[in-house]
């Protein structure tokens, strides 16, 4: 089963596997908004890391010319 999370900060709907939500139980999260908030932060953070990595990769490529 998949959970589809949409929001202002998502360009596309982010598809999250329901199994990945189980670790939120460790924090005893009762509020679904809190769960979505954490997913959103993780999603934004991962995208930020990816784009920074792309910039570094491009810079490295330019230096080798």
PDB file of N, CA and C in Angstrom:
ATOM      1  N   UNK A   1       0.850  -1.193   0.000  1.00  0.00           N
ATOM      2  CA  UNK A   1       0.000   0.000   0.000  1.00  0.00           C
ATOM      3  C   UNK A   1       0.883   1.239   0.000  1.00  0.00           C
ATOM      4  N   UNK A   2       0.530   2.206  -0.811  1.00  0.00           N
ATOM      5  CA  UNK A   2       1.301   3.447  -0.860  1.00  0.00           C
ATOM      6  C   UNK A   2       0.490   4.604  -0.298  1.00  0.00           C
ATOM      7  N   UNK A   3       1.202   5.539   0.284  1.00  0.00           N
ATOM      8  CA  UNK A   3       0.575   6.768   0.769  1.00  0.00           C
ATOM      9  C   UNK A   3       1.035   7.877  -0.158  1.00  0.00           C
ATOM     10  N   UNK A   4       0.099   8.670  -0.623  1.00  0.00           N
ATOM     11  CA  UNK A   4       0.457   9.781  -1.490  1.00  0.00           C
ATOM     12  C   UNK A   4       0.347  11.075  -0.700  1.00  0.00           C
ATOM     13  N   UNK A   5       1.444  11.792  -0.622  1.00  0.00           N
ATOM     14  CA  UNK A   5       1.472  13.033   0.146  1.00  0.00           C
ATOM     15  C   UNK A   5       1.621  14.183  -0.830  1.00  0.00           C
ATOM     16  N   UNK A   6       0.680  15.103  -0.785  1.00  0.00           N
ATOM     17  CA  UNK A   6       0.796  16.281  -1.644  1.00  0.00           C
ATOM     18  C   UNK A   6       0.784  17.518  -0.758  1.00  0.00           C
ATOM     19  N   UNK A   7       1.395  18.574  -1.232  1.00  0.00           N
ATOM     20  CA  UNK A   7       1.424  19.806  -0.455  1.00  0.00           C
ATOM     21  C   UNK A   7       2.100  20.897  -1.238  1.00  0.00           C
ATOM     22  N   UNK A   8       2.085  22.100  -0.701  1.00  0.00           N
ATOM     23  CA  UNK A   8       2.650  23.260  -1.375  1.00  0.00           C
ATOM     24  C   UNK A   8       4.129  23.103  -1.669  1.00  0.00           C
ATOM     25  N   UNK A   9       4.835  22.355  -0.814  1.00  0.00           N
ATOM     26  CA  UNK A   9       6.281  22.241  -0.983  1.00  0.00           C
ATOM     27  C   UNK A   9       6.663  21.126  -1.952  1.00  0.00           C
ATOM     28  N   UNK A  10       5.674  20.399  -2.456  1.00  0.00           N
ATOM     29  CA  UNK A  10       5.951  19.323  -3.394  1.00  0.00           C
ATOM     30  C   UNK A  10       5.634  19.765  -4.808  1.00  0.00           C
ATOM     31  N   UNK A  11       6.579  19.639  -5.697  1.00  0.00           N
ATOM     32  CA  UNK A  11       6.298  19.924  -7.102  1.00  0.00           C
ATOM     33  C   UNK A  11       5.425  18.801  -7.658  1.00  0.00           C
ATOM     34  N   UNK A  12       5.798  17.575  -7.330  1.00  0.00           N
ATOM     35  CA  UNK A  12       4.999  16.400  -7.695  1.00  0.00           C
ATOM     36  C   UNK A  12       4.553  15.736  -6.405  1.00  0.00           C
ATOM     37  N   UNK A  13       3.553  14.879  -6.517  1.00  0.00           N
ATOM     38  CA  UNK A  13       3.152  14.104  -5.338  1.00  0.00           C
ATOM     39  C   UNK A  13       4.307  13.182  -4.976  1.00  0.00           C
ATOM     40  N   UNK A  14       4.644  13.132  -3.716  1.00  0.00           N
ATOM     41  CA  UNK A  14       5.711  12.236  -3.259  1.00  0.00           C
ATOM     42  C   UNK A  14       5.071  10.917  -2.874  1.00  0.00           C
ATOM     43  N   UNK A  15       5.573   9.849  -3.438  1.00  0.00           N
ATOM     44  CA  UNK A  15       5.033   8.530  -3.129  1.00  0.00           C
ATOM     45  C   UNK A  15       5.870   7.908  -2.026  1.00  0.00           C
ATOM     46  N   UNK A  16       5.240   7.598  -0.927  1.00  0.00           N
ATOM     47  CA  UNK A  16       5.952   7.034   0.212  1.00  0.00           C
ATOM     48  C   UNK A  16       5.374   5.660   0.536  1.00  0.00           C
ATOM     49  N   UNK A  17       6.230   4.673   0.632  1.00  0.00           N
ATOM     50  CA  UNK A  17       5.787   3.329   0.982  1.00  0.00           C
ATOM     51  C   UNK A  17       5.320   3.315   2.432  1.00  0.00           C
ATOM     52  N   UNK A  18       4.167   2.708   2.665  1.00  0.00           N
ATOM     53  CA  UNK A  18       3.585   2.681   4.018  1.00  0.00           C
ATOM     54  C   UNK A  18       4.533   2.032   5.018  1.00  0.00           C
ATOM     55  N   UNK A  19       5.360   1.075   4.574  1.00  0.00           N
ATOM     56  CA  UNK A  19       6.303   0.402   5.474  1.00  0.00           C
ATOM     57  C   UNK A  19       7.323   1.368   6.054  1.00  0.00           C
ATOM     58  N   UNK A  20       7.650   2.405   5.310  1.00  0.00           N
ATOM     59  CA  UNK A  20       8.643   3.361   5.795  1.00  0.00           C
ATOM     60  C   UNK A  20       8.073   4.253   6.887  1.00  0.00           C
ATOM     61  N   UNK A  21       6.761   4.201   7.084  1.00  0.00           N
ATOM     62  CA  UNK A  21       6.157   5.027   8.129  1.00  0.00           C
ATOM     63  C   UNK A  21       6.247   4.382   9.504  1.00  0.00           C
ATOM     64  N   UNK A  22       6.540   3.066   9.551  1.00  0.00           N
ATOM     65  CA  UNK A  22       6.480   2.371  10.824  1.00  0.00           C
ATOM     66  C   UNK A  22       7.494   2.886  11.834  1.00  0.00           C
ATOM     67  N   UNK A  23       8.617   3.428  11.373  1.00  0.00           N
ATOM     68  CA  UNK A  23       9.608   3.895  12.344  1.00  0.00           C
ATOM     69  C   UNK A  23       9.119   5.120  13.100  1.00  0.00           C
ATOM     70  N   UNK A  24       8.059   5.768  12.588  1.00  0.00           N
ATOM     71  CA  UNK A  24       7.490   6.904  13.321  1.00  0.00           C
ATOM     72  C   UNK A  24       6.859   6.452  14.637  1.00  0.00           C
ATOM     73  N   UNK A  25       6.495   5.161  14.729  1.00  0.00           N
ATOM     74  CA  UNK A  25       5.914   4.636  15.966  1.00  0.00           C
ATOM     75  C   UNK A  25       6.886   4.730  17.132  1.00  0.00           C
ATOM     76  N   UNK A  26       8.173   4.698  16.822  1.00  0.00           N
ATOM     77  CA  UNK A  26       9.194   4.815  17.861  1.00  0.00           C
ATOM     78  C   UNK A  26       9.020   6.132  18.611  1.00  0.00           C
ATOM     79  N   UNK A  27       8.621   7.170  17.882  1.00  0.00           N
ATOM     80  CA  UNK A  27       8.448   8.488  18.483  1.00  0.00           C
ATOM     81  C   UNK A  27       7.044   8.684  19.044  1.00  0.00           C
ATOM     82  N   UNK A  28       6.190   7.631  18.948  1.00  0.00           N
ATOM     83  CA  UNK A  28       4.808   7.703  19.420  1.00  0.00           C
ATOM     84  C   UNK A  28       4.078   8.918  18.842  1.00  0.00           C
ATOM     85  N   UNK A  29       4.150   9.038  17.534  1.00  0.00           N
ATOM     86  CA  UNK A  29       3.479  10.151  16.863  1.00  0.00           C
ATOM     87  C   UNK A  29       2.004   9.819  16.744  1.00  0.00           C
ATOM     88  N   UNK A  30       1.161  10.670  17.306  1.00  0.00           N
ATOM     89  CA  UNK A  30      -0.280  10.443  17.242  1.00  0.00           C
ATOM     90  C   UNK A  30      -0.931  11.333  16.194  1.00  0.00           C
ATOM     91  N   UNK A  31      -0.244  12.372  15.795  1.00  0.00           N
ATOM     92  CA  UNK A  31      -0.819  13.361  14.893  1.00  0.00           C
ATOM     93  C   UNK A  31      -0.297  13.134  13.478  1.00  0.00           C
ATOM     94  N   UNK A  32      -1.191  12.841  12.549  1.00  0.00           N
ATOM     95  CA  UNK A  32      -0.785  12.584  11.160  1.00  0.00           C
ATOM     96  C   UNK A  32      -0.088  13.797  10.552  1.00  0.00           C
ATOM     97  N   UNK A  33      -0.442  14.991  11.015  1.00  0.00           N
ATOM     98  CA  UNK A  33       0.222  16.195  10.489  1.00  0.00           C
ATOM     99  C   UNK A  33       1.703  16.204  10.835  1.00  0.00           C
ATOM    100  N   UNK A  34       2.014  15.703  12.026  1.00  0.00           N
ATOM    101  CA  UNK A  34       3.417  15.618  12.444  1.00  0.00           C
ATOM    102  C   UNK A  34       4.190  14.651  11.545  1.00  0.00           C
ATOM    103  N   UNK A  35       3.554  13.525  11.215  1.00  0.00           N
ATOM    104  CA  UNK A  35       4.181  12.545  10.322  1.00  0.00           C
ATOM    105  C   UNK A  35       4.440  13.171   8.960  1.00  0.00           C
ATOM    106  N   UNK A  36       3.418  13.840   8.419  1.00  0.00           N
ATOM    107  CA  UNK A  36       3.548  14.467   7.095  1.00  0.00           C
ATOM    108  C   UNK A  36       4.611  15.559   7.128  1.00  0.00           C
ATOM    109  N   UNK A  37       4.657  16.286   8.236  1.00  0.00           N
ATOM    110  CA  UNK A  37       5.653  17.334   8.415  1.00  0.00           C
ATOM    111  C   UNK A  37       7.071  16.763   8.353  1.00  0.00           C
ATOM    112  N   UNK A  38       7.279  15.634   9.032  1.00  0.00           N
ATOM    113  CA  UNK A  38       8.611  14.995   9.021  1.00  0.00           C
ATOM    114  C   UNK A  38       8.966  14.479   7.640  1.00  0.00           C
ATOM    115  N   UNK A  39       7.971  13.887   6.963  1.00  0.00           N
ATOM    116  CA  UNK A  39       8.219  13.379   5.611  1.00  0.00           C
ATOM    117  C   UNK A  39       8.600  14.533   4.693  1.00  0.00           C
ATOM    118  N   UNK A  40       7.870  15.642   4.807  1.00  0.00           N
ATOM    119  CA  UNK A  40       8.129  16.820   3.974  1.00  0.00           C
ATOM    120  C   UNK A  40       9.549  17.320   4.194  1.00  0.00           C
ATOM    121  N   UNK A  41       9.959  17.409   5.466  1.00  0.00           N
ATOM    122  CA  UNK A  41      11.313  17.876   5.785  1.00  0.00           C
ATOM    123  C   UNK A  41      12.358  16.938   5.196  1.00  0.00           C
ATOM    124  N   UNK A  42      12.140  15.624   5.344  1.00  0.00           N
ATOM    125  CA  UNK A  42      13.076  14.644   4.784  1.00  0.00           C
ATOM    126  C   UNK A  42      13.151  14.758   3.273  1.00  0.00           C
ATOM    127  N   UNK A  43      11.987  14.936   2.652  1.00  0.00           N
ATOM    128  CA  UNK A  43      11.901  15.025   1.193  1.00  0.00           C
ATOM    129  C   UNK A  43      12.663  16.243   0.689  1.00  0.00           C
ATOM    130  N   UNK A  44      12.456  17.388   1.351  1.00  0.00           N
ATOM    131  CA  UNK A  44      13.148  18.621   0.962  1.00  0.00           C
ATOM    132  C   UNK A  44      14.646  18.488   1.198  1.00  0.00           C
ATOM    133  N   UNK A  45      15.023  17.909   2.339  1.00  0.00           N
ATOM    134  CA  UNK A  45      16.430  17.738   2.678  1.00  0.00           C
ATOM    135  C   UNK A  45      17.130  16.849   1.659  1.00  0.00           C
ATOM    136  N   UNK A  46      16.489  15.729   1.294  1.00  0.00           N
ATOM    137  CA  UNK A  46      17.086  14.815   0.317  1.00  0.00           C
ATOM    138  C   UNK A  46      17.270  15.487  -1.034  1.00  0.00           C
ATOM    139  N   UNK A  47      16.290  16.286  -1.447  1.00  0.00           N
ATOM    140  CA  UNK A  47      16.407  17.000  -2.718  1.00  0.00           C
ATOM    141  C   UNK A  47      17.525  18.028  -2.673  1.00  0.00           C
ATOM    142  N   UNK A  48      17.682  18.681  -1.522  1.00  0.00           N
ATOM    143  CA  UNK A  48      18.747  19.667  -1.347  1.00  0.00           C
ATOM    144  C   UNK A  48      20.110  18.990  -1.465  1.00  0.00           C
ATOM    145  N   UNK A  49      20.266  17.860  -0.799  1.00  0.00           N
ATOM    146  CA  UNK A  49      21.522  17.097  -0.855  1.00  0.00           C
ATOM    147  C   UNK A  49      21.820  16.682  -2.296  1.00  0.00           C
ATOM    148  N   UNK A  50      20.784  16.195  -3.000  1.00  0.00           N
ATOM    149  CA  UNK A  50      20.972  15.758  -4.390  1.00  0.00           C
ATOM    150  C   UNK A  50      21.440  16.903  -5.267  1.00  0.00           C
ATOM    151  N   UNK A  51      20.819  18.084  -5.121  1.00  0.00           N
ATOM    152  CA  UNK A  51      21.202  19.198  -5.988  1.00  0.00           C
ATOM    153  C   UNK A  51      22.596  19.714  -5.643  1.00  0.00           C
ATOM    154  N   UNK A  52      22.956  19.707  -4.359  1.00  0.00           N
ATOM    155  CA  UNK A  52      24.313  20.112  -3.968  1.00  0.00           C
ATOM    156  C   UNK A  52      25.347  19.136  -4.534  1.00  0.00           C
ATOM    157  N   UNK A  53      25.005  17.864  -4.526  1.00  0.00           N
ATOM    158  CA  UNK A  53      25.891  16.838  -5.085  1.00  0.00           C
ATOM    159  C   UNK A  53      26.087  17.059  -6.582  1.00  0.00           C
ATOM    160  N   UNK A  54      25.007  17.386  -7.293  1.00  0.00           N
ATOM    161  CA  UNK A  54      25.098  17.655  -8.735  1.00  0.00           C
ATOM    162  C   UNK A  54      26.015  18.848  -9.010  1.00  0.00           C
ATOM    163  N   UNK A  55      25.899  19.887  -8.188  1.00  0.00           N
ATOM    164  CA  UNK A  55      26.743  21.086  -8.351  1.00  0.00           C
ATOM    165  C   UNK A  55      28.214  20.725  -8.142  1.00  0.00           C
ATOM    166  N   UNK A  56      28.490  19.944  -7.082  1.00  0.00           N
ATOM    167  CA  UNK A  56      29.869  19.520  -6.808  1.00  0.00           C
ATOM    168  C   UNK A  56      30.428  18.671  -7.940  1.00  0.00           C
ATOM    169  N   UNK A  57      29.590  17.770  -8.455  1.00  0.00           N
ATOM    170  CA  UNK A  57      30.015  16.884  -9.535  1.00  0.00           C
ATOM    171  C   UNK A  57      30.371  17.701 -10.778  1.00  0.00           C
ATOM    172  N   UNK A  58      29.544  18.696 -11.087  1.00  0.00           N
ATOM    173  CA  UNK A  58      29.779  19.556 -12.247  1.00  0.00           C
ATOM    174  C   UNK A  58      31.062  20.368 -12.063  1.00  0.00           C
ATOM    175  N   UNK A  59      31.265  20.887 -10.853  1.00  0.00           N
ATOM    176  CA  UNK A  59      32.464  21.681 -10.562  1.00  0.00           C
ATOM    177  C   UNK A  59      33.721  20.827 -10.716  1.00  0.00           C
ATOM    178  N   UNK A  60      33.655  19.594 -10.248  1.00  0.00           N
ATOM    179  CA  UNK A  60      34.786  18.678 -10.353  1.00  0.00           C
ATOM    180  C   UNK A  60      35.106  18.398 -11.820  1.00  0.00           C
ATOM    181  N   UNK A  61      34.035  18.209 -12.606  1.00  0.00           N
ATOM    182  CA  UNK A  61      34.199  17.950 -14.041  1.00  0.00           C
ATOM    183  C   UNK A  61      34.860  19.149 -14.723  1.00  0.00           C
ATOM    184  N   UNK A  62      34.442  20.357 -14.346  1.00  0.00           N
ATOM    185  CA  UNK A  62      35.001  21.577 -14.937  1.00  0.00           C
ATOM    186  C   UNK A  62      36.474  21.756 -14.590  1.00  0.00           C
ATOM    187  N   UNK A  63      36.855  21.351 -13.381  1.00  0.00           N
ATOM    188  CA  UNK A  63      38.248  21.482 -12.944  1.00  0.00           C
ATOM    189  C   UNK A  63      39.194  20.558 -13.690  1.00  0.00           C
ATOM    190  N   UNK A  64      38.676  19.452 -14.197  1.00  0.00           N
ATOM    191  CA  UNK A  64      39.530  18.473 -14.880  1.00  0.00           C
ATOM    192  C   UNK A  64      39.788  18.833 -16.338  1.00  0.00           C
ATOM    193  N   UNK A  65      39.158  19.882 -16.818  1.00  0.00           N
ATOM    194  CA  UNK A  65      39.363  20.268 -18.222  1.00  0.00           C
ATOM    195  C   UNK A  65      40.691  20.971 -18.422  1.00  0.00           C
TER     196      UNK A  65
END
